């Protein structure tokens, strides 16, 4: 069996100020790619960064709601020491 993956794309209209558009076009040219490809990569990077920020916020909120109790991690102290080779 042969699996085929087809990425569906849509054309979208965006409003960018002149300075931003110029900067994007210059960066795309330096990267030897198209404006669209550069923008897709930038959006993917922004989404990945946002996901990390959201996970960190959830992590912080969980520790705020359930703080570590004194001595709770004492049994793990020796686990963080790497043995010498």
N, C-alpha and C. Protein backbone atom coordinates (compact mmCIF):
# COMPACT_ATOMS: atom_id res chain seq x y z
N UNK A 1 0.84 -1.17 0.00
CA UNK A 1 0.00 0.00 0.00
C UNK A 1 0.90 1.24 0.00
N UNK A 2 0.51 2.24 -0.76
CA UNK A 2 1.26 3.49 -0.84
C UNK A 2 0.40 4.58 -0.21
N UNK A 3 0.99 5.29 0.76
CA UNK A 3 0.28 6.39 1.41
C UNK A 3 0.65 7.69 0.71
N UNK A 4 -0.35 8.47 0.39
CA UNK A 4 -0.12 9.76 -0.26
C UNK A 4 -0.68 10.84 0.64
N UNK A 5 0.12 11.85 0.89
CA UNK A 5 -0.32 12.98 1.71
C UNK A 5 -0.41 14.22 0.83
N UNK A 6 -1.56 14.84 0.84
CA UNK A 6 -1.76 16.06 0.06
C UNK A 6 -2.07 17.19 1.03
N UNK A 7 -1.21 18.20 1.02
CA UNK A 7 -1.42 19.35 1.90
C UNK A 7 -2.35 20.32 1.18
N UNK A 8 -3.45 20.61 1.82
CA UNK A 8 -4.40 21.55 1.25
C UNK A 8 -3.99 22.96 1.68
N UNK A 9 -3.97 23.86 0.75
CA UNK A 9 -3.63 25.24 1.07
C UNK A 9 -4.78 26.14 0.67
N UNK A 10 -4.84 27.27 1.32
CA UNK A 10 -5.84 28.29 1.02
C UNK A 10 -5.13 29.60 0.82
N UNK A 11 -5.66 30.40 -0.04
CA UNK A 11 -5.15 31.74 -0.24
C UNK A 11 -5.87 32.66 0.73
N UNK A 12 -5.09 33.44 1.46
CA UNK A 12 -5.68 34.37 2.42
C UNK A 12 -5.19 35.79 2.12
N UNK A 13 -5.98 36.73 2.50
CA UNK A 13 -5.60 38.13 2.32
C UNK A 13 -5.22 38.67 3.69
N UNK A 14 -4.08 39.36 3.74
CA UNK A 14 -3.60 39.94 4.99
C UNK A 14 -3.29 41.41 4.76
N UNK A 15 -3.42 42.18 5.80
CA UNK A 15 -3.06 43.59 5.73
C UNK A 15 -1.78 43.80 6.52
N UNK A 16 -0.74 44.28 5.85
CA UNK A 16 0.56 44.54 6.48
C UNK A 16 0.96 45.97 6.16
N UNK A 17 1.59 46.61 7.13
CA UNK A 17 2.10 47.95 6.83
C UNK A 17 3.31 47.85 5.92
N UNK A 18 3.64 48.94 5.25
CA UNK A 18 4.71 48.94 4.25
C UNK A 18 6.05 48.49 4.82
N UNK A 19 6.39 48.95 6.03
CA UNK A 19 7.69 48.59 6.61
C UNK A 19 7.78 47.10 6.87
N UNK A 20 6.70 46.53 7.38
CA UNK A 20 6.71 45.09 7.66
C UNK A 20 6.80 44.30 6.37
N UNK A 21 6.04 44.68 5.37
CA UNK A 21 6.07 43.98 4.10
C UNK A 21 7.46 44.05 3.46
N UNK A 22 8.07 45.21 3.53
CA UNK A 22 9.43 45.36 3.00
C UNK A 22 10.40 44.47 3.73
N UNK A 23 10.28 44.42 5.06
CA UNK A 23 11.17 43.57 5.87
C UNK A 23 10.96 42.09 5.54
N UNK A 24 9.72 41.68 5.36
CA UNK A 24 9.42 40.29 5.01
C UNK A 24 10.01 39.96 3.64
N UNK A 25 9.80 40.84 2.69
CA UNK A 25 10.33 40.59 1.34
C UNK A 25 11.86 40.50 1.33
N UNK A 26 12.50 41.37 2.07
CA UNK A 26 13.97 41.32 2.15
C UNK A 26 14.45 40.03 2.81
N UNK A 27 13.79 39.65 3.90
CA UNK A 27 14.17 38.42 4.61
C UNK A 27 13.92 37.20 3.73
N UNK A 28 12.82 37.19 3.01
CA UNK A 28 12.52 36.07 2.13
C UNK A 28 13.57 35.98 1.02
N UNK A 29 13.97 37.12 0.50
CA UNK A 29 14.99 37.13 -0.56
C UNK A 29 16.31 36.58 -0.03
N UNK A 30 16.71 37.04 1.17
CA UNK A 30 17.96 36.54 1.77
C UNK A 30 17.89 35.04 2.02
N UNK A 31 16.72 34.55 2.38
CA UNK A 31 16.53 33.12 2.65
C UNK A 31 16.31 32.33 1.36
N UNK A 32 16.28 33.05 0.25
CA UNK A 32 16.06 32.42 -1.07
C UNK A 32 14.77 31.61 -1.08
N UNK A 33 13.71 32.26 -0.63
CA UNK A 33 12.40 31.63 -0.61
C UNK A 33 11.36 32.66 -1.04
N UNK A 34 10.13 32.25 -1.08
CA UNK A 34 9.07 33.17 -1.46
C UNK A 34 8.50 33.87 -0.24
N UNK A 35 7.77 34.94 -0.51
CA UNK A 35 7.08 35.65 0.58
C UNK A 35 6.13 34.70 1.30
N UNK A 36 5.39 33.91 0.54
CA UNK A 36 4.43 32.98 1.15
C UNK A 36 5.13 31.93 2.01
N UNK A 37 6.20 31.34 1.48
CA UNK A 37 6.92 30.32 2.24
C UNK A 37 7.53 30.91 3.50
N UNK A 38 8.11 32.10 3.37
CA UNK A 38 8.69 32.76 4.53
C UNK A 38 7.62 33.03 5.58
N UNK A 39 6.47 33.52 5.14
CA UNK A 39 5.37 33.82 6.07
C UNK A 39 4.83 32.56 6.72
N UNK A 40 4.70 31.48 5.96
CA UNK A 40 4.26 30.21 6.55
C UNK A 40 5.22 29.75 7.65
N UNK A 41 6.53 29.82 7.35
CA UNK A 41 7.53 29.42 8.35
C UNK A 41 7.45 30.30 9.59
N UNK A 42 7.28 31.61 9.38
CA UNK A 42 7.19 32.54 10.51
C UNK A 42 5.94 32.25 11.35
N UNK A 43 4.84 31.96 10.70
CA UNK A 43 3.62 31.63 11.43
C UNK A 43 3.76 30.33 12.20
N UNK A 44 4.39 29.33 11.58
CA UNK A 44 4.63 28.07 12.31
C UNK A 44 5.50 28.30 13.54
N UNK A 45 6.54 29.11 13.38
CA UNK A 45 7.43 29.41 14.52
C UNK A 45 6.67 30.16 15.61
N UNK A 46 5.83 31.10 15.22
CA UNK A 46 5.04 31.85 16.21
C UNK A 46 4.07 30.93 16.94
N UNK A 47 3.45 30.01 16.21
CA UNK A 47 2.53 29.06 16.85
C UNK A 47 3.26 28.12 17.81
N UNK A 48 4.45 27.67 17.43
CA UNK A 48 5.24 26.80 18.31
C UNK A 48 5.64 27.56 19.58
N UNK A 49 6.05 28.82 19.41
CA UNK A 49 6.42 29.64 20.57
C UNK A 49 5.21 29.86 21.48
N UNK A 50 4.05 30.11 20.88
CA UNK A 50 2.82 30.32 21.66
C UNK A 50 2.45 29.06 22.42
N UNK A 51 2.64 27.90 21.79
CA UNK A 51 2.33 26.63 22.47
C UNK A 51 3.22 26.45 23.69
N UNK A 52 4.50 26.75 23.57
CA UNK A 52 5.42 26.64 24.71
C UNK A 52 5.00 27.62 25.81
N UNK A 53 4.67 28.85 25.43
CA UNK A 53 4.23 29.84 26.42
C UNK A 53 2.98 29.38 27.15
N UNK A 54 2.02 28.82 26.39
CA UNK A 54 0.78 28.32 27.01
C UNK A 54 1.06 27.16 27.96
N UNK A 55 1.94 26.23 27.55
CA UNK A 55 2.28 25.11 28.43
C UNK A 55 2.99 25.59 29.69
N UNK A 56 3.88 26.56 29.55
CA UNK A 56 4.57 27.11 30.72
C UNK A 56 3.59 27.79 31.66
N UNK A 57 2.62 28.51 31.10
CA UNK A 57 1.61 29.17 31.93
C UNK A 57 0.76 28.14 32.68
N UNK A 58 0.40 27.05 31.99
CA UNK A 58 -0.37 25.99 32.66
C UNK A 58 0.45 25.35 33.77
N UNK A 59 1.73 25.15 33.52
CA UNK A 59 2.63 24.57 34.50
C UNK A 59 2.73 25.47 35.73
N UNK A 60 2.93 26.76 35.50
CA UNK A 60 3.01 27.71 36.61
C UNK A 60 1.71 27.76 37.40
N UNK A 61 0.59 27.74 36.70
CA UNK A 61 -0.71 27.78 37.37
C UNK A 61 -0.92 26.53 38.22
N UNK A 62 -0.49 25.38 37.70
CA UNK A 62 -0.63 24.14 38.46
C UNK A 62 0.18 24.20 39.75
N UNK A 63 1.40 24.73 39.67
CA UNK A 63 2.23 24.85 40.89
C UNK A 63 1.69 25.93 41.82
N UNK A 64 1.04 26.95 41.26
CA UNK A 64 0.42 27.96 42.12
C UNK A 64 -0.73 27.35 42.90
N UNK A 65 -1.53 26.52 42.22
CA UNK A 65 -2.66 25.88 42.88
C UNK A 65 -2.24 24.75 43.81
N UNK A 66 -1.15 24.06 43.48
CA UNK A 66 -0.67 22.93 44.27
C UNK A 66 0.83 23.08 44.49
N UNK A 67 1.22 23.99 45.39
CA UNK A 67 2.66 24.21 45.60
C UNK A 67 3.36 22.96 46.16
N UNK A 68 4.65 22.90 45.91
CA UNK A 68 5.45 21.80 46.44
C UNK A 68 5.54 21.98 47.95
N UNK A 69 5.30 20.91 48.66
CA UNK A 69 5.40 20.95 50.12
C UNK A 69 6.86 20.80 50.54
N UNK A 70 7.19 21.36 51.67
CA UNK A 70 8.55 21.25 52.20
C UNK A 70 8.92 19.78 52.32
N UNK A 71 10.07 19.41 51.77
CA UNK A 71 10.57 18.04 51.85
C UNK A 71 9.99 17.10 50.82
N UNK A 72 9.06 17.56 50.00
CA UNK A 72 8.39 16.69 49.04
C UNK A 72 9.36 16.07 48.02
N UNK A 73 10.40 16.79 47.66
CA UNK A 73 11.32 16.29 46.65
C UNK A 73 12.66 15.82 47.23
N UNK A 74 12.75 15.75 48.53
CA UNK A 74 14.02 15.40 49.17
C UNK A 74 14.55 14.03 48.72
N UNK A 75 13.70 13.09 48.44
CA UNK A 75 14.12 11.76 48.05
C UNK A 75 14.74 11.71 46.65
N UNK A 76 14.65 12.79 45.91
CA UNK A 76 15.17 12.83 44.55
C UNK A 76 16.51 13.53 44.44
N UNK A 77 17.06 14.02 45.53
CA UNK A 77 18.31 14.78 45.50
C UNK A 77 19.45 14.01 44.83
N UNK A 78 19.59 12.73 45.15
CA UNK A 78 20.69 11.94 44.59
C UNK A 78 20.49 11.63 43.11
N UNK A 79 19.27 11.71 42.62
CA UNK A 79 18.97 11.40 41.21
C UNK A 79 19.50 12.46 40.26
N UNK A 80 19.70 13.67 40.74
CA UNK A 80 20.15 14.74 39.84
C UNK A 80 21.67 14.83 39.72
N UNK A 81 22.38 13.96 40.39
CA UNK A 81 23.84 13.97 40.33
C UNK A 81 24.29 12.95 39.28
N UNK A 82 25.04 13.44 38.31
CA UNK A 82 25.57 12.54 37.27
C UNK A 82 26.85 11.90 37.76
N UNK A 83 26.94 10.59 37.65
CA UNK A 83 28.17 9.92 38.09
C UNK A 83 29.34 10.29 37.16
N UNK A 84 30.51 10.31 37.71
CA UNK A 84 31.71 10.59 36.92
C UNK A 84 32.00 9.39 36.03
N UNK A 85 32.42 9.62 34.78
CA UNK A 85 32.71 8.48 33.88
C UNK A 85 33.96 7.73 34.28
